[in-house]
Amino acid sequence: MIRRLYEGSLDPSAQDLRREPGYRDAMANLLQAEETLRKNLSIEHCSTLEKLSASYIEIQKISARSAFADGFSIGVQLTAEALRRF
């Protein structure tokens, strides 16, 4: 697994989220809200909505990267502590 991670063939960010509980409902709600907004907004406001969405996506990517790094670090610390006990 470590080798696959190092070589780039293990990509935790490529996980298929559609299997996660609640994902489908959340995505349906998001798409419905976005469609409703687009129908009622001017072209200028739709452009602002696009920028807002892109910013949320970027923040989500940064958050996911940080959470992965934190989780990996905790996992390494737990492993080191477990090995010190033997």
C-alpha atoms as a PDB file:
ATOM      1  CA  MET A   1       0.000   0.000   0.000  1.00  0.00           C
ATOM      2  CA  ILE A   2       2.824   2.434   0.819  1.00  0.00           C
ATOM      3  CA  ARG A   3       4.451   1.715  -2.531  1.00  0.00           C
ATOM      4  CA  ARG A   4       1.149   2.319  -4.360  1.00  0.00           C
ATOM      5  CA  LEU A   5       0.733   5.608  -2.484  1.00  0.00           C
ATOM      6  CA  TYR A   6       4.300   6.665  -3.341  1.00  0.00           C
ATOM      7  CA  GLU A   7       3.944   5.701  -7.009  1.00  0.00           C
ATOM      8  CA  GLY A   8       0.668   7.583  -7.277  1.00  0.00           C
ATOM      9  CA  SER A   9      -1.498   4.576  -8.089  1.00  0.00           C
ATOM     10  CA  LEU A  10      -3.406   4.955  -4.811  1.00  0.00           C
ATOM     11  CA  ASP A  11      -5.555   8.064  -4.949  1.00  0.00           C
ATOM     12  CA  PRO A  12      -7.826   8.534  -1.926  1.00  0.00           C
ATOM     13  CA  SER A  13      -9.371  11.616  -3.558  1.00  0.00           C
ATOM     14  CA  ALA A  14     -10.663   9.444  -6.418  1.00  0.00           C
ATOM     15  CA  GLN A  15     -13.005   7.580  -4.068  1.00  0.00           C
ATOM     16  CA  ASP A  16     -16.495   7.087  -5.465  1.00  0.00           C
ATOM     17  CA  LEU A  17     -18.605   9.141  -3.080  1.00  0.00           C
ATOM     18  CA  ARG A  18     -21.889   7.941  -4.576  1.00  0.00           C
ATOM     19  CA  ARG A  19     -21.734   4.972  -2.203  1.00  0.00           C
ATOM     20  CA  GLU A  20     -21.459   7.149   0.885  1.00  0.00           C
ATOM     21  CA  PRO A  21     -24.652   7.350   2.968  1.00  0.00           C
ATOM     22  CA  GLY A  22     -26.595  10.512   2.262  1.00  0.00           C
ATOM     23  CA  TYR A  23     -24.557  11.500  -0.794  1.00  0.00           C
ATOM     24  CA  ARG A  24     -27.304  10.951  -3.366  1.00  0.00           C
ATOM     25  CA  ASP A  25     -29.877  12.924  -1.376  1.00  0.00           C
ATOM     26  CA  ALA A  26     -27.433  15.765  -0.757  1.00  0.00           C
ATOM     27  CA  MET A  27     -26.460  15.897  -4.434  1.00  0.00           C
ATOM     28  CA  ALA A  28     -30.113  15.882  -5.538  1.00  0.00           C
ATOM     29  CA  ASN A  29     -30.861  18.756  -3.147  1.00  0.00           C
ATOM     30  CA  LEU A  30     -27.844  20.688  -4.409  1.00  0.00           C
ATOM     31  CA  LEU A  31     -28.784  20.235  -8.062  1.00  0.00           C
ATOM     32  CA  GLN A  32     -32.400  21.195  -7.436  1.00  0.00           C
ATOM     33  CA  ALA A  33     -31.418  24.349  -5.531  1.00  0.00           C
ATOM     34  CA  GLU A  34     -28.922  25.320  -8.219  1.00  0.00           C
ATOM     35  CA  GLU A  35     -31.487  24.812 -10.972  1.00  0.00           C
ATOM     36  CA  THR A  36     -34.038  26.931  -9.100  1.00  0.00           C
ATOM     37  CA  LEU A  37     -31.503  29.715  -8.605  1.00  0.00           C
ATOM     38  CA  ARG A  38     -30.430  29.692 -12.255  1.00  0.00           C
ATOM     39  CA  LYS A  39     -34.033  30.025 -13.406  1.00  0.00           C
ATOM     40  CA  ASN A  40     -34.571  33.071 -11.201  1.00  0.00           C
ATOM     41  CA  LEU A  41     -31.243  34.893 -11.509  1.00  0.00           C
ATOM     42  CA  SER A  42     -29.995  37.347 -14.084  1.00  0.00           C
ATOM     43  CA  ILE A  43     -26.999  36.426 -16.247  1.00  0.00           C
ATOM     44  CA  GLU A  44     -24.786  38.600 -14.051  1.00  0.00           C
ATOM     45  CA  HIS A  45     -26.004  36.880 -10.892  1.00  0.00           C
ATOM     46  CA  CYS A  46     -25.547  33.458 -12.509  1.00  0.00           C
ATOM     47  CA  SER A  47     -21.927  34.411 -13.123  1.00  0.00           C
ATOM     48  CA  THR A  48     -21.575  35.312  -9.450  1.00  0.00           C
ATOM     49  CA  LEU A  49     -23.145  31.974  -8.528  1.00  0.00           C
ATOM     50  CA  GLU A  50     -20.534  30.201 -10.705  1.00  0.00           C
ATOM     51  CA  LYS A  51     -17.722  32.030  -8.889  1.00  0.00           C
ATOM     52  CA  LEU A  52     -19.257  31.146  -5.534  1.00  0.00           C
ATOM     53  CA  SER A  53     -19.526  27.483  -6.508  1.00  0.00           C
ATOM     54  CA  ALA A  54     -15.927  27.402  -7.766  1.00  0.00           C
ATOM     55  CA  SER A  55     -14.742  28.939  -4.498  1.00  0.00           C
ATOM     56  CA  TYR A  56     -16.639  26.352  -2.446  1.00  0.00           C
ATOM     57  CA  ILE A  57     -15.102  23.581  -4.538  1.00  0.00           C
ATOM     58  CA  GLU A  58     -11.601  24.964  -4.004  1.00  0.00           C
ATOM     59  CA  ILE A  59     -12.174  25.221  -0.247  1.00  0.00           C
ATOM     60  CA  GLN A  60     -13.482  21.624  -0.246  1.00  0.00           C
ATOM     61  CA  LYS A  61     -10.314  20.422  -2.011  1.00  0.00           C
ATOM     62  CA  ILE A  62      -8.084  22.235   0.484  1.00  0.00           C
ATOM     63  CA  SER A  63     -10.093  20.849   3.396  1.00  0.00           C
ATOM     64  CA  ALA A  64      -9.953  17.288   2.032  1.00  0.00           C
ATOM     65  CA  ARG A  65      -6.187  17.532   1.505  1.00  0.00           C
ATOM     66  CA  SER A  66      -5.702  18.817   5.035  1.00  0.00           C
ATOM     67  CA  ALA A  67      -7.949  16.131   6.547  1.00  0.00           C
ATOM     68  CA  PHE A  68      -6.048  13.427   4.651  1.00  0.00           C
ATOM     69  CA  ALA A  69      -2.696  14.743   5.878  1.00  0.00           C
ATOM     70  CA  ASP A  70      -3.964  14.968   9.461  1.00  0.00           C
ATOM     71  CA  GLY A  71      -5.412  11.456   9.322  1.00  0.00           C
ATOM     72  CA  PHE A  72      -2.228  10.047   7.821  1.00  0.00           C
ATOM     73  CA  SER A  73      -0.145  11.754  10.499  1.00  0.00           C
ATOM     74  CA  ILE A  74      -2.354  10.387  13.276  1.00  0.00           C
ATOM     75  CA  GLY A  75      -2.118   6.913  11.750  1.00  0.00           C
ATOM     76  CA  VAL A  76       1.684   7.087  11.700  1.00  0.00           C
ATOM     77  CA  GLN A  77       1.754   8.326  15.299  1.00  0.00           C
ATOM     78  CA  LEU A  78      -0.544   5.486  16.403  1.00  0.00           C
ATOM     79  CA  THR A  79       1.636   2.949  14.603  1.00  0.00           C
ATOM     80  CA  ALA A  80       4.816   4.377  16.175  1.00  0.00           C
ATOM     81  CA  GLU A  81       3.253   4.281  19.635  1.00  0.00           C
ATOM     82  CA  ALA A  82       2.070   0.694  19.132  1.00  0.00           C
ATOM     83  CA  LEU A  83       5.536  -0.396  17.976  1.00  0.00           C
ATOM     84  CA  ARG A  84       7.240   1.265  20.966  1.00  0.00           C
ATOM     85  CA  ARG A  85       5.201  -0.957  23.271  1.00  0.00           C
ATOM     86  CA  PHE A  86       6.764  -4.121  21.864  1.00  0.00           C
END
